[in-house]
Amino acid sequence: MRYLAIDPGDKRTGLAIGDDQTRIVSPLQVIETSSPDERLRLISRVIADEQPDAIVVGLPLNMDGSEGEPAKRSRALAQTLSARLGLPAHLMDERLTSAAADAQLAGQGLTRDQKKARRDALAAAEILRDFLGREDA
């Protein structure tokens, strides 16, 4: 099964693609917009291009496991995409995925802006790796 992972943010949304057969996950791109409607349109376009069988949306839980506003927005995004596109949507705890992405970028000689441009797609890839690593995936 082919999956598109989404790391939603207020300004930048990271995307990654992978599948459960090879377990190869690749960062895809970062969408830069603060407009929820534009974000949906751009994600829908990527879904049309990449043809995933399902989506995995990062769920930004607080460190204590509770849900705040960002988690509610992620749940709403997953529901909207699933309803509009007819794809199964899964939510995956994304705590510490940005830290893992930062660790991957450390020492690569990139500027702060270059790191920022790649970070969210790498975080989406981490979300998908975590999802595929679950026993029931």
C-alpha atoms as a PDB file:
ATOM      1  CA  MET A   1       0.000   0.000   0.000  1.00  0.00           C
ATOM      2  CA  ARG A   2       1.275   3.471  -0.919  1.00  0.00           C
ATOM      3  CA  TYR A   3       0.982   6.254   1.670  1.00  0.00           C
ATOM      4  CA  LEU A   4       1.274  10.040   1.593  1.00  0.00           C
ATOM      5  CA  ALA A   5       2.354  11.468   4.941  1.00  0.00           C
ATOM      6  CA  ILE A   6       1.431  15.003   5.906  1.00  0.00           C
ATOM      7  CA  ASP A   7       3.120  17.067   8.615  1.00  0.00           C
ATOM      8  CA  PRO A   8       0.688  19.988   8.862  1.00  0.00           C
ATOM      9  CA  GLY A   9       1.805  23.371  10.104  1.00  0.00           C
ATOM     10  CA  ASP A  10       0.469  26.894  10.253  1.00  0.00           C
ATOM     11  CA  LYS A  11       2.842  28.139   7.524  1.00  0.00           C
ATOM     12  CA  ARG A  12       4.618  25.061   6.153  1.00  0.00           C
ATOM     13  CA  THR A  13       3.242  21.573   5.538  1.00  0.00           C
ATOM     14  CA  GLY A  14       5.674  18.750   4.861  1.00  0.00           C
ATOM     15  CA  LEU A  15       4.840  15.830   2.587  1.00  0.00           C
ATOM     16  CA  ALA A  16       6.492  12.440   2.196  1.00  0.00           C
ATOM     17  CA  ILE A  17       5.673   9.314   0.208  1.00  0.00           C
ATOM     18  CA  GLY A  18       6.321   5.665   0.929  1.00  0.00           C
ATOM     19  CA  ASP A  19       4.891   2.183   0.886  1.00  0.00           C
ATOM     20  CA  ASP A  20       4.506  -0.723   3.248  1.00  0.00           C
ATOM     21  CA  GLN A  21       6.071  -3.298   0.904  1.00  0.00           C
ATOM     22  CA  THR A  22       9.547  -1.818   0.523  1.00  0.00           C
ATOM     23  CA  ARG A  23       9.240   0.394   3.611  1.00  0.00           C
ATOM     24  CA  ILE A  24      11.126   3.038   1.646  1.00  0.00           C
ATOM     25  CA  VAL A  25      10.040   6.544   2.633  1.00  0.00           C
ATOM     26  CA  SER A  26      11.084   9.686   0.770  1.00  0.00           C
ATOM     27  CA  PRO A  27      10.564  13.330   1.680  1.00  0.00           C
ATOM     28  CA  LEU A  28       8.531  14.837  -1.139  1.00  0.00           C
ATOM     29  CA  GLN A  29       8.046  18.572  -0.738  1.00  0.00           C
ATOM     30  CA  VAL A  30       7.035  21.407   1.551  1.00  0.00           C
ATOM     31  CA  ILE A  31       3.909  23.430   0.889  1.00  0.00           C
ATOM     32  CA  GLU A  32       4.252  27.008   2.070  1.00  0.00           C
ATOM     33  CA  THR A  33       0.941  28.726   2.747  1.00  0.00           C
ATOM     34  CA  SER A  34      -0.999  29.916   5.758  1.00  0.00           C
ATOM     35  CA  SER A  35      -4.336  29.570   3.938  1.00  0.00           C
ATOM     36  CA  PRO A  36      -6.208  26.385   4.922  1.00  0.00           C
ATOM     37  CA  ASP A  37      -8.073  26.378   1.581  1.00  0.00           C
ATOM     38  CA  GLU A  38      -4.859  26.747  -0.431  1.00  0.00           C
ATOM     39  CA  ARG A  39      -3.207  24.016   1.684  1.00  0.00           C
ATOM     40  CA  LEU A  40      -6.093  21.651   0.882  1.00  0.00           C
ATOM     41  CA  ARG A  41      -5.908  22.492  -2.813  1.00  0.00           C
ATOM     42  CA  LEU A  42      -2.159  21.899  -2.990  1.00  0.00           C
ATOM     43  CA  ILE A  43      -2.304  18.657  -0.987  1.00  0.00           C
ATOM     44  CA  SER A  44      -5.138  17.458  -3.244  1.00  0.00           C
ATOM     45  CA  ARG A  45      -2.976  18.149  -6.284  1.00  0.00           C
ATOM     46  CA  VAL A  46      -0.100  16.123  -4.830  1.00  0.00           C
ATOM     47  CA  ILE A  47      -2.502  13.281  -4.034  1.00  0.00           C
ATOM     48  CA  ALA A  48      -3.746  13.343  -7.647  1.00  0.00           C
ATOM     49  CA  ASP A  49      -0.139  13.212  -8.893  1.00  0.00           C
ATOM     50  CA  GLU A  50       1.199  10.588  -6.463  1.00  0.00           C
ATOM     51  CA  GLN A  51      -1.903   8.353  -6.263  1.00  0.00           C
ATOM     52  CA  PRO A  52      -1.482   7.085  -2.687  1.00  0.00           C
ATOM     53  CA  ASP A  53      -3.818   4.422  -1.330  1.00  0.00           C
ATOM     54  CA  ALA A  54      -4.095   6.205   2.029  1.00  0.00           C
ATOM     55  CA  ILE A  55      -2.857   9.257   3.895  1.00  0.00           C
ATOM     56  CA  VAL A  56      -1.113   9.546   7.246  1.00  0.00           C
ATOM     57  CA  VAL A  57      -1.525  12.883   9.012  1.00  0.00           C
ATOM     58  CA  GLY A  58       0.767  13.874  11.860  1.00  0.00           C
ATOM     59  CA  LEU A  59      -1.069  14.400  15.132  1.00  0.00           C
ATOM     60  CA  PRO A  60       0.782  17.019  17.214  1.00  0.00           C
ATOM     61  CA  LEU A  61       0.056  15.821  20.727  1.00  0.00           C
ATOM     62  CA  ASN A  62       1.415  17.700  23.715  1.00  0.00           C
ATOM     63  CA  MET A  63       4.292  15.982  25.501  1.00  0.00           C
ATOM     64  CA  ASP A  64       1.851  14.764  28.176  1.00  0.00           C
ATOM     65  CA  GLY A  65      -0.302  13.123  25.475  1.00  0.00           C
ATOM     66  CA  SER A  66      -3.107  15.667  25.621  1.00  0.00           C
ATOM     67  CA  GLU A  67      -4.537  17.365  22.541  1.00  0.00           C
ATOM     68  CA  GLY A  68      -4.504  21.090  21.889  1.00  0.00           C
ATOM     69  CA  GLU A  69      -5.702  23.225  18.985  1.00  0.00           C
ATOM     70  CA  PRO A  70      -3.027  21.981  16.529  1.00  0.00           C
ATOM     71  CA  ALA A  71      -4.162  18.376  17.109  1.00  0.00           C
ATOM     72  CA  LYS A  72      -7.778  19.362  16.481  1.00  0.00           C
ATOM     73  CA  ARG A  73      -6.738  21.030  13.210  1.00  0.00           C
ATOM     74  CA  SER A  74      -4.860  17.873  12.167  1.00  0.00           C
ATOM     75  CA  ARG A  75      -7.906  15.718  12.883  1.00  0.00           C
ATOM     76  CA  ALA A  76     -10.071  18.094  10.829  1.00  0.00           C
ATOM     77  CA  LEU A  77      -7.569  18.029   7.939  1.00  0.00           C
ATOM     78  CA  ALA A  78      -7.529  14.212   7.932  1.00  0.00           C
ATOM     79  CA  GLN A  79     -11.328  14.061   7.947  1.00  0.00           C
ATOM     80  CA  THR A  80     -11.670  16.647   5.192  1.00  0.00           C
ATOM     81  CA  LEU A  81      -9.116  14.979   2.905  1.00  0.00           C
ATOM     82  CA  SER A  82     -10.639  11.557   3.491  1.00  0.00           C
ATOM     83  CA  ALA A  83     -14.158  12.802   2.731  1.00  0.00           C
ATOM     84  CA  ARG A  84     -13.141  14.804  -0.355  1.00  0.00           C
ATOM     85  CA  LEU A  85     -10.834  12.240  -1.902  1.00  0.00           C
ATOM     86  CA  GLY A  86     -12.244   8.961  -0.660  1.00  0.00           C
ATOM     87  CA  LEU A  87      -8.961   7.836   0.883  1.00  0.00           C
ATOM     88  CA  PRO A  88      -8.480   6.215   4.271  1.00  0.00           C
ATOM     89  CA  ALA A  89      -6.847   8.680   6.656  1.00  0.00           C
ATOM     90  CA  HIS A  90      -4.687   7.625   9.583  1.00  0.00           C
ATOM     91  CA  LEU A  91      -3.420   9.832  12.399  1.00  0.00           C
ATOM     92  CA  MET A  92       0.069   9.306  13.792  1.00  0.00           C
ATOM     93  CA  ASP A  93       1.621  10.846  16.885  1.00  0.00           C
ATOM     94  CA  GLU A  94       4.253  13.251  15.614  1.00  0.00           C
ATOM     95  CA  ARG A  95       5.964  14.172  18.860  1.00  0.00           C
ATOM     96  CA  LEU A  96       9.716  14.510  18.373  1.00  0.00           C
ATOM     97  CA  THR A  97       9.620  14.102  14.573  1.00  0.00           C
ATOM     98  CA  SER A  98      10.841  17.671  14.070  1.00  0.00           C
ATOM     99  CA  ALA A  99      13.729  16.979  16.452  1.00  0.00           C
ATOM    100  CA  ALA A 100      14.599  13.871  14.408  1.00  0.00           C
ATOM    101  CA  ALA A 101      14.474  15.960  11.219  1.00  0.00           C
ATOM    102  CA  ASP A 102      16.752  18.572  12.809  1.00  0.00           C
ATOM    103  CA  ALA A 103      19.222  15.828  13.737  1.00  0.00           C
ATOM    104  CA  GLN A 104      19.308  14.673  10.112  1.00  0.00           C
ATOM    105  CA  LEU A 105      20.030  18.209   8.946  1.00  0.00           C
ATOM    106  CA  ALA A 106      22.745  18.922  11.522  1.00  0.00           C
ATOM    107  CA  GLY A 107      26.256  19.116  10.174  1.00  0.00           C
ATOM    108  CA  GLN A 108      25.232  19.295   6.521  1.00  0.00           C
ATOM    109  CA  GLY A 109      26.539  22.827   6.066  1.00  0.00           C
ATOM    110  CA  LEU A 110      23.117  24.223   5.210  1.00  0.00           C
ATOM    111  CA  THR A 111      21.977  27.722   6.028  1.00  0.00           C
ATOM    112  CA  ARG A 112      19.110  28.244   8.453  1.00  0.00           C
ATOM    113  CA  ASP A 113      16.733  28.963   5.547  1.00  0.00           C
ATOM    114  CA  GLN A 114      17.856  25.852   3.659  1.00  0.00           C
ATOM    115  CA  LYS A 115      17.254  23.736   6.769  1.00  0.00           C
ATOM    116  CA  LYS A 116      13.829  25.311   7.283  1.00  0.00           C
ATOM    117  CA  ALA A 117      12.899  24.528   3.665  1.00  0.00           C
ATOM    118  CA  ARG A 118      13.673  20.808   4.126  1.00  0.00           C
ATOM    119  CA  ARG A 119      12.730  20.218   7.757  1.00  0.00           C
ATOM    120  CA  ASP A 120       8.978  19.713   7.339  1.00  0.00           C
ATOM    121  CA  ALA A 121       9.299  17.155   4.519  1.00  0.00           C
ATOM    122  CA  LEU A 122      11.835  15.247   6.631  1.00  0.00           C
ATOM    123  CA  ALA A 123       9.437  15.379   9.592  1.00  0.00           C
ATOM    124  CA  ALA A 124       6.663  13.982   7.343  1.00  0.00           C
ATOM    125  CA  ALA A 125       9.032  11.167   6.370  1.00  0.00           C
ATOM    126  CA  GLU A 126       9.658  10.447  10.074  1.00  0.00           C
ATOM    127  CA  ILE A 127       5.901  10.335  10.690  1.00  0.00           C
ATOM    128  CA  LEU A 128       5.501   7.796   7.893  1.00  0.00           C
ATOM    129  CA  ARG A 129       8.461   5.693   9.074  1.00  0.00           C
ATOM    130  CA  ASP A 130       6.926   5.593  12.559  1.00  0.00           C
ATOM    131  CA  PHE A 131       3.549   4.645  11.083  1.00  0.00           C
ATOM    132  CA  LEU A 132       5.028   1.866   8.938  1.00  0.00           C
ATOM    133  CA  GLY A 133       7.042   0.630  11.918  1.00  0.00           C
ATOM    134  CA  ARG A 134       3.951  -0.075  13.976  1.00  0.00           C
ATOM    135  CA  GLU A 135       3.135  -3.760  14.302  1.00  0.00           C
ATOM    136  CA  ASP A 136      -0.348  -3.378  12.829  1.00  0.00           C
ATOM    137  CA  ALA A 137       0.715  -1.305   9.801  1.00  0.00           C
END
